[in-house]
Protein backbone atom coordinates (compact mmCIF):
# COMPACT_ATOMS: atom_id res chain seq x y z
CA MET A 1 19.86 -54.77 58.25
CA GLY A 2 21.74 -53.77 61.36
CA LYS A 3 23.75 -51.10 59.53
CA LYS A 4 20.56 -49.62 58.14
CA ASN A 5 19.00 -49.44 61.57
CA SER A 6 22.18 -47.96 62.96
CA PHE A 7 22.20 -45.24 60.26
CA TRP A 8 18.57 -44.33 60.87
CA THR A 9 19.16 -44.37 64.63
CA ARG A 10 22.03 -41.87 64.37
CA TRP A 11 20.06 -39.48 62.05
CA SER A 12 16.87 -39.68 64.09
CA LYS A 13 18.57 -39.43 67.48
CA PRO A 14 17.35 -36.24 69.14
CA TYR A 15 19.69 -33.48 70.27
CA ARG A 16 18.89 -30.52 72.47
CA LEU A 17 19.87 -27.05 71.34
CA THR A 18 19.89 -24.65 74.26
CA ILE A 19 20.56 -20.90 74.38
CA LEU A 20 21.98 -19.63 77.73
CA GLU A 21 22.86 -16.22 79.08
CA GLU A 22 26.62 -15.71 79.04
CA GLN A 23 27.00 -14.47 82.65
CA SER A 24 24.26 -16.25 84.59
CA PHE A 25 24.02 -19.32 82.38
CA LYS A 26 20.26 -18.95 82.68
CA GLU A 27 18.43 -20.96 80.07
CA ARG A 28 16.57 -18.71 77.64
CA TRP A 29 15.53 -21.01 74.78
CA GLN A 30 15.87 -24.64 73.83
CA ILE A 31 14.81 -26.96 71.09
CA SER A 32 15.01 -30.68 70.53
CA ILE A 33 16.11 -31.59 67.00
CA SER A 34 17.72 -34.47 65.13
CA ARG A 35 20.19 -34.52 62.28
CA PHE A 36 17.38 -35.43 59.92
CA GLY A 37 15.35 -32.46 61.13
CA VAL A 38 18.30 -30.10 60.60
CA ALA A 39 18.80 -31.37 57.04
CA LEU A 40 15.09 -31.07 56.31
CA THR A 41 14.92 -27.55 57.71
CA VAL A 42 17.99 -26.37 55.79
CA GLY A 43 16.72 -27.94 52.56
CA THR A 44 13.30 -26.29 52.97
CA LEU A 45 14.88 -22.89 53.61
CA MET A 46 17.12 -23.26 50.53
CA ALA A 47 14.12 -24.21 48.37
CA ILE A 48 12.13 -21.20 49.64
CA VAL A 49 15.06 -18.84 49.01
CA SER A 50 15.65 -20.31 45.54
CA ALA A 51 11.99 -19.97 44.61
CA GLY A 52 11.96 -16.39 45.86
CA VAL A 53 15.07 -15.47 43.88
CA TYR A 54 13.67 -17.12 40.73
CA ALA A 55 10.34 -15.29 41.08
CA LEU A 56 12.13 -11.98 41.69
CA ILE A 57 14.20 -12.38 38.55
CA ALA A 58 11.51 -13.89 36.32
CA TRP A 59 8.74 -11.42 37.15
CA SER A 60 10.72 -8.22 37.39
CA PRO A 61 12.95 -6.12 35.09
CA LEU A 62 15.97 -7.70 36.80
CA LYS A 63 15.91 -10.52 34.26
CA GLU A 64 17.02 -8.07 31.54
CA MET A 65 20.17 -7.31 33.58
CA VAL A 66 20.84 -10.76 35.09
CA VAL A 67 20.02 -13.18 32.25
CA PRO A 68 22.67 -12.96 29.46
CA GLY A 69 21.21 -12.26 26.01
CA TYR A 70 17.66 -11.82 27.29
CA ALA A 71 15.56 -9.42 25.17
CA SER A 72 12.72 -7.49 26.71
CA GLU A 73 9.14 -7.73 25.43
CA ASP A 74 9.37 -4.24 23.99
CA SER A 75 12.56 -5.18 22.16
CA ARG A 76 10.93 -8.27 20.69
CA LEU A 77 7.88 -6.27 19.57
CA ARG A 78 10.10 -3.64 17.98
CA ALA A 79 12.10 -6.36 16.23
CA ILE A 80 8.92 -7.97 14.88
CA GLN A 81 7.60 -4.59 13.72
CA ALA A 82 10.93 -3.77 12.07
CA GLU A 83 10.88 -7.14 10.28
CA ILE A 84 7.34 -6.49 8.99
CA ILE A 85 8.28 -3.01 7.79
CA ALA A 86 11.43 -4.33 6.12
CA ASP A 87 9.44 -7.06 4.36
CA SER A 88 6.87 -4.52 3.14
CA ALA A 89 9.67 -2.23 1.97
CA LEU A 90 11.27 -5.05 0.01
CA GLN A 91 7.95 -5.83 -1.66
CA GLN A 92 7.44 -2.18 -2.56
CA LEU A 93 10.99 -1.95 -3.90
CA ALA A 94 10.36 -5.02 -6.06
CA ILE A 95 7.14 -3.49 -7.41
CA GLN A 96 8.88 -0.14 -8.00
CA ASP A 97 11.78 -1.85 -9.74
CA GLU A 98 9.42 -3.77 -12.02
CA TYR A 99 7.49 -0.56 -12.75
CA LEU A 100 10.69 1.36 -13.61
CA GLN A 101 11.88 -1.44 -15.87
CA THR A 102 8.52 -1.49 -17.67
CA LEU A 103 8.52 2.29 -17.89
CA GLY A 104 12.01 2.29 -19.39
CA ILE A 105 11.00 -0.32 -21.97
CA LEU A 106 7.90 1.65 -22.94
CA LEU A 107 9.74 4.97 -23.17
CA ARG A 108 12.23 3.30 -25.52
CA GLY A 109 9.32 2.24 -27.69
CA GLU A 110 9.83 -1.46 -27.14
CA ALA A 111 6.91 -3.85 -26.89
CA VAL A 112 5.90 -5.37 -23.57
CA GLU A 113 4.00 -8.64 -23.45
CA SER A 114 0.73 -8.39 -21.62
CA MET A 115 0.60 -10.35 -18.36
CA VAL A 116 -3.23 -10.37 -18.29
CA GLU A 117 -4.85 -13.55 -19.53
CA ALA A 118 -7.92 -13.20 -21.68
CA PRO A 119 -11.17 -14.66 -20.32
CA GLU A 120 -12.10 -18.10 -21.43
CA THR A 121 -14.43 -18.31 -24.40
CA ASN A 122 -17.86 -19.85 -23.98
CA GLU A 123 -17.85 -22.72 -26.42
CA ALA A 124 -21.65 -22.74 -26.60
CA ASN A 125 -22.15 -19.25 -28.05
CA GLY A 126 -18.59 -18.12 -28.74
CA GLU A 127 -18.82 -15.18 -26.30
CA ASN A 128 -16.54 -14.30 -23.41
CA SER A 129 -17.86 -15.39 -20.05
CA LEU A 130 -17.38 -12.05 -18.25
CA THR A 131 -19.39 -13.25 -15.29
CA ASP A 132 -16.51 -15.60 -14.46
CA TRP A 133 -14.44 -12.49 -13.74
CA GLY A 134 -16.83 -11.39 -11.00
CA LEU A 135 -18.15 -8.38 -12.97
CA THR A 136 -21.37 -6.75 -11.79
CA GLN A 137 -24.11 -5.46 -14.07
CA GLU A 138 -22.79 -1.93 -13.54
CA ASP A 139 -19.36 -3.08 -14.72
CA LEU A 140 -20.89 -4.70 -17.80
CA ASP A 141 -22.85 -1.53 -18.62
CA LEU A 142 -19.68 0.53 -18.28
CA ARG A 143 -17.81 -1.90 -20.52
CA SER A 144 -20.54 -1.63 -23.13
CA ARG A 145 -20.39 2.17 -22.99
CA VAL A 146 -16.60 2.12 -23.29
CA GLU A 147 -16.81 -0.19 -26.31
CA LYS A 148 -19.23 2.21 -27.99
CA GLU A 149 -16.96 5.16 -27.23
CA ASP A 150 -13.97 3.19 -28.46
CA ARG A 151 -15.42 3.11 -31.96
CA PHE A 152 -14.10 6.64 -32.35
CA ALA A 153 -10.61 5.15 -32.11
CA LEU A 154 -10.91 4.33 -35.84
CA GLN A 155 -9.86 7.92 -36.39
CA ARG A 156 -6.43 7.23 -34.85
CA GLY A 157 -3.57 8.34 -37.00
CA GLN A 158 -5.70 10.35 -39.42
CA THR A 159 -4.65 13.65 -37.86
CA THR A 160 -1.13 12.72 -36.75
CA GLY A 161 2.00 14.05 -38.37
CA LYS A 162 0.95 17.72 -38.65
CA THR A 163 3.30 19.09 -35.98
CA LEU A 164 4.99 17.71 -32.90
CA ARG A 165 2.57 19.78 -30.79
CA ASN A 166 -0.58 18.51 -32.48
CA ILE A 167 -3.18 16.59 -30.44
CA PRO A 168 -4.25 13.63 -32.60
CA PHE A 169 -7.43 12.81 -30.65
CA ALA A 170 -9.89 14.90 -28.62
CA PRO A 171 -10.11 13.84 -24.96
CA ILE A 172 -13.91 13.99 -24.87
CA GLU A 173 -16.88 15.23 -26.88
CA GLY A 174 -18.44 18.18 -25.09
CA SER A 175 -18.57 21.93 -24.75
CA ILE A 176 -15.70 24.00 -23.35
CA SER A 177 -16.81 25.86 -20.23
CA SER A 178 -13.46 27.42 -19.22
CA LYS A 179 -10.65 28.40 -21.56
CA PHE A 180 -6.89 28.37 -21.10
CA ASP A 181 -5.88 31.28 -18.82
CA PRO A 182 -2.42 31.03 -17.19
CA ALA A 183 -2.89 34.44 -15.52
CA LEU A 184 -5.61 32.89 -13.36
CA GLY A 185 -3.68 29.67 -12.85
CA HIS A 186 -5.91 27.78 -15.29
CA PHE A 187 -3.47 25.87 -17.47
CA GLY A 188 -5.96 23.90 -19.55
CA LEU A 189 -9.50 23.57 -20.87
CA ASP A 190 -12.63 22.48 -18.99
CA PHE A 191 -14.94 20.22 -21.00
CA VAL A 192 -18.56 19.84 -19.91
CA ALA A 193 -20.28 16.55 -20.76
CA PRO A 194 -22.76 14.19 -19.07
CA GLU A 195 -21.35 12.56 -15.93
CA GLY A 196 -20.14 9.08 -16.74
CA SER A 197 -18.88 10.00 -20.22
CA VAL A 198 -15.69 8.25 -21.28
CA ILE A 199 -12.44 10.22 -21.49
CA HIS A 200 -9.88 9.16 -24.10
CA ALA A 201 -6.11 9.41 -24.41
CA VAL A 202 -5.24 12.17 -26.89
CA ASP A 203 -2.12 10.42 -28.21
CA ASP A 204 0.03 7.32 -27.82
CA GLY A 205 2.06 7.23 -24.64
CA ILE A 206 2.73 5.77 -21.22
CA VAL A 207 0.66 6.51 -18.10
CA VAL A 208 3.00 8.06 -15.53
CA ILE A 209 0.40 9.19 -12.96
CA ALA A 210 -2.92 7.53 -12.09
CA SER A 211 -3.87 8.49 -8.56
CA TYR A 212 -6.03 10.73 -6.34
CA THR A 213 -5.12 14.27 -5.25
CA SER A 214 -7.09 16.56 -2.96
CA ASP A 215 -7.50 19.39 -5.48
CA GLY A 216 -7.57 17.49 -8.78
CA GLY A 217 -9.48 14.40 -7.62
CA TYR A 218 -8.69 11.35 -9.70
CA VAL A 219 -5.87 12.47 -12.02
CA ILE A 220 -4.18 10.84 -15.00
CA SER A 221 -0.97 12.06 -16.63
CA ILE A 222 0.37 10.53 -19.85
CA GLN A 223 3.89 10.96 -21.24
CA HIS A 224 3.86 11.21 -25.05
CA PRO A 225 6.77 11.21 -27.54
CA ALA A 226 8.66 14.47 -28.22
CA ASN A 227 8.48 15.54 -24.54
CA ARG A 228 4.70 16.08 -24.54
CA ILE A 229 2.46 15.43 -21.54
CA SER A 230 -1.33 15.38 -21.27
CA VAL A 231 -3.17 15.75 -17.94
CA TYR A 232 -6.78 14.79 -17.14
CA LYS A 233 -8.31 15.89 -13.81
CA HIS A 234 -11.55 15.55 -11.77
CA ASN A 235 -12.35 12.06 -13.07
CA LYS A 236 -14.97 9.92 -11.40
CA SER A 237 -12.87 6.77 -11.79
CA LEU A 238 -9.76 5.59 -13.62
CA LEU A 239 -9.55 2.85 -16.25
CA VAL A 240 -5.74 2.64 -16.45
CA GLU A 241 -2.83 2.37 -14.02
CA ALA A 242 0.61 3.93 -13.86
CA GLY A 243 2.90 2.09 -16.28
CA ASP A 244 0.14 1.19 -18.76
CA ARG A 245 0.79 1.94 -22.43
CA VAL A 246 -2.09 3.61 -24.25
CA GLN A 247 -2.86 4.65 -27.80
CA ALA A 248 -4.71 7.69 -29.10
CA GLY A 249 -8.41 7.20 -28.45
CA ASP A 250 -8.07 4.55 -25.73
CA PRO A 251 -10.59 4.96 -22.86
CA ILE A 252 -8.64 6.01 -19.76
CA ALA A 253 -11.18 7.48 -17.30
CA ILE A 254 -14.81 8.30 -16.55
CA LEU A 255 -15.89 11.94 -16.33
CA GLY A 256 -16.83 13.14 -12.85
CA GLY A 257 -16.36 16.01 -10.45
CA THR A 258 -13.87 14.84 -7.83
CA GLY A 259 -11.41 17.16 -6.10
CA THR A 260 -11.76 20.39 -4.13
CA HIS A 261 -11.20 22.54 -7.25
CA SER A 262 -14.19 21.04 -9.04
CA THR A 263 -17.56 22.82 -9.01
CA GLY A 264 -19.41 20.11 -10.92
CA PRO A 265 -18.97 17.21 -13.36
CA HIS A 266 -16.42 18.19 -16.01
CA SER A 267 -13.04 17.19 -17.39
CA HIS A 268 -10.01 19.46 -16.97
CA PHE A 269 -7.47 18.84 -19.75
CA GLU A 270 -3.91 20.22 -19.90
CA TRP A 271 -1.32 19.98 -22.69
CA TRP A 272 2.37 20.45 -21.80
CA VAL A 273 5.21 20.59 -24.33
CA ASP A 274 8.86 20.86 -23.26
CA GLY A 275 7.76 21.63 -19.69
CA GLN A 276 5.51 24.55 -20.72
CA PRO A 277 1.66 24.60 -20.64
CA LEU A 278 0.06 25.38 -24.01
CA ASP A 279 -3.51 26.25 -24.97
CA PRO A 280 -4.91 22.86 -26.05
CA ALA A 281 -7.62 24.50 -28.19
CA GLN A 282 -5.20 25.39 -31.00
CA TRP A 283 -3.81 21.86 -31.13
CA LEU A 284 -7.07 19.88 -30.98
CA PRO A 285 -8.02 17.87 -34.08
CA GLU A 286 -10.56 19.21 -36.54
CA GLN A 287 -13.38 17.28 -34.90
CA GLN A 288 -13.04 19.58 -31.89
CA GLU A 289 -12.75 22.91 -33.73
CA ASN A 290 -16.52 23.43 -33.83
CA VAL A 291 -16.99 22.87 -30.09
CA SER A 292 -18.93 25.74 -28.49
CA LEU A 293 -17.06 28.10 -26.19
CA SER A 294 -18.88 29.56 -23.21
CA GLU A 295 -17.25 32.53 -21.52
């Protein structure tokens, strides 16, 4: 107990700190302080300095230069953005790779199993429950119209085998409003029919383009055997996607008037063989020979 009191007595014993002039020894300033007070003052000053240094580094750009391996906020944001872009690119590459593989299989004429499951059958009446697929009444009406138009597909194959340039199936039933005229940059035929009419594939093939362009609107391009390509422009909507395999007479689009080069609802049809545009009128099947031509 005595040693403890002796320790506290020494640390709490006051000392006088006096500042004198060097020549006159005149007292200018003095303070009474103990060892404990000195330690407390020094500790407080060190804490204040440490806090100030920490705040200066933590809340200023100095931390990027002082702290090893520290990444700035901009660097982290750029890294996150780069990771998102890389992930999206990998997904797109996977989709593109799958598409190219499917396209190669189809161009070789091999069969591809469909990945779309058929709708469940209603056991009560034996009909497909299309409402389970989230179809609206407009979708059902369109499906009914497509099924009616698809009855013409019974004619598939009846006109094939004439020449490699022959068109086995007419794209649509309607009148021709504009003829083939390469001099004017019109490389196909314009068919006029009621808006909403169904457009059909003219031959078996693989859909290579199914997208929207500013001048042609919704466009479909189909690669056929023997280096033949058919093009369908200004559609209102598309019923197939790139990579789909179609047969002659399959519904592929709905007639419309999209695109800046369209002056009204019609279907622009082009027929390319060996990279050259040909007049489709001379290759259309017999069912289209009697279509009226309007100059």
